C-alpha atoms as a PDB file:
ATOM      1  CA  MET A   1     100.826-146.025  70.335  1.00  0.00           C
ATOM      2  CA  PRO A   2      98.585-149.053  71.415  1.00  0.00           C
ATOM      3  CA  VAL A   3      95.103-149.471  70.194  1.00  0.00           C
ATOM      4  CA  TYR A   4      92.713-150.539  72.978  1.00  0.00           C
ATOM      5  CA  GLU A   5      89.398-152.245  72.423  1.00  0.00           C
ATOM      6  CA  TYR A   6      86.411-151.651  74.732  1.00  0.00           C
ATOM      7  CA  VAL A   7      82.693-152.631  75.205  1.00  0.00           C
ATOM      8  CA  CYS A   8      80.162-150.341  76.872  1.00  0.00           C
ATOM      9  CA  LEU A   9      78.274-152.201  79.500  1.00  0.00           C
ATOM     10  CA  SER A  10      75.263-149.878  79.278  1.00  0.00           C
ATOM     11  CA  CYS A  11      74.674-149.874  75.434  1.00  0.00           C
ATOM     12  CA  ARG A  12      76.918-152.828  74.325  1.00  0.00           C
ATOM     13  CA  ASN A  13      78.713-150.544  71.855  1.00  0.00           C
ATOM     14  CA  GLN A  14      82.292-151.854  70.970  1.00  0.00           C
ATOM     15  CA  PHE A  15      84.826-149.315  70.101  1.00  0.00           C
ATOM     16  CA  THR A  16      88.570-148.703  69.818  1.00  0.00           C
ATOM     17  CA  THR A  17      90.717-145.968  70.933  1.00  0.00           C
ATOM     18  CA  VAL A  18      94.427-145.112  70.461  1.00  0.00           C
ATOM     19  CA  LEU A  19      96.154-144.068  73.795  1.00  0.00           C
ATOM     20  CA  SER A  20      99.548-143.728  75.085  1.00  0.00           C
ATOM     21  CA  ILE A  21     100.294-146.171  77.928  1.00  0.00           C
ATOM     22  CA  THR A  22     100.360-143.289  80.516  1.00  0.00           C
ATOM     23  CA  ASP A  23      97.013-141.948  79.266  1.00  0.00           C
ATOM     24  CA  HIS A  24      95.460-145.442  79.422  1.00  0.00           C
ATOM     25  CA  ASP A  25      96.432-145.661  83.096  1.00  0.00           C
ATOM     26  CA  LYS A  26      95.235-142.070  84.035  1.00  0.00           C
ATOM     27  CA  LEU A  27      92.012-141.585  81.899  1.00  0.00           C
ATOM     28  CA  LYS A  28      88.679-142.800  82.749  1.00  0.00           C
ATOM     29  CA  ILE A  29      87.370-144.038  79.318  1.00  0.00           C
ATOM     30  CA  GLU A  30      83.864-143.242  78.363  1.00  0.00           C
ATOM     31  CA  CYS A  31      81.536-144.680  75.531  1.00  0.00           C
ATOM     32  CA  PRO A  32      81.412-142.450  72.466  1.00  0.00           C
ATOM     33  CA  LYS A  33      77.927-143.402  71.905  1.00  0.00           C
ATOM     34  CA  CYS A  34      76.145-143.032  75.182  1.00  0.00           C
ATOM     35  CA  LYS A  35      78.880-141.296  77.321  1.00  0.00           C
ATOM     36  CA  SER A  36      78.619-144.058  79.903  1.00  0.00           C
ATOM     37  CA  LYS A  37      81.857-144.711  82.001  1.00  0.00           C
ATOM     38  CA  LYS A  38      80.755-148.191  82.381  1.00  0.00           C
ATOM     39  CA  VAL A  39      83.249-149.644  79.892  1.00  0.00           C
ATOM     40  CA  GLU A  40      85.208-152.876  79.850  1.00  0.00           C
ATOM     41  CA  GLN A  41      88.542-153.405  78.098  1.00  0.00           C
ATOM     42  CA  ARG A  42      88.600-156.366  75.740  1.00  0.00           C
ATOM     43  CA  LEU A  43      91.558-158.486  75.007  1.00  0.00           C
ATOM     44  CA  SER A  44      92.805-158.122  71.453  1.00  0.00           C
ATOM     45  CA  ALA A  45      95.560-159.451  69.240  1.00  0.00           C
ATOM     46  CA  PHE A  46      98.511-157.099  68.489  1.00  0.00           C
ATOM     47  CA  PHE A  47     101.471-157.329  66.187  1.00  0.00           C
ATOM     48  CA  ALA A  48     104.975-156.020  66.387  1.00  0.00           C
ATOM     49  CA  LYS A  49     106.892-154.840  63.273  1.00  0.00           C
ATOM     50  CA  THR A  50     110.674-155.181  63.709  1.00  0.00           C
ATOM     51  CA  ALA A  51     113.490-154.208  61.366  1.00  0.00           C
ATOM     52  CA  LYS A  52     114.866-157.082  59.318  1.00  0.00           C
ATOM     53  CA  LYS A  53     118.427-157.582  59.974  1.00  0.00           C
ATOM     54  CA  SER A  54     120.684-159.123  57.292  1.00  0.00           C
END
């Protein structure tokens, strides 16, 4: 499952959460520190691990 990074616009807390793609589209994310729903998703790097074929 993907890991999403967010920053709270109210308290500036940065946090990550693991969500399925469908949950990410449906849920309204809230800050775990102040419970505000004014959060902004941050861009982050990702990596993909694939099977090595020989």
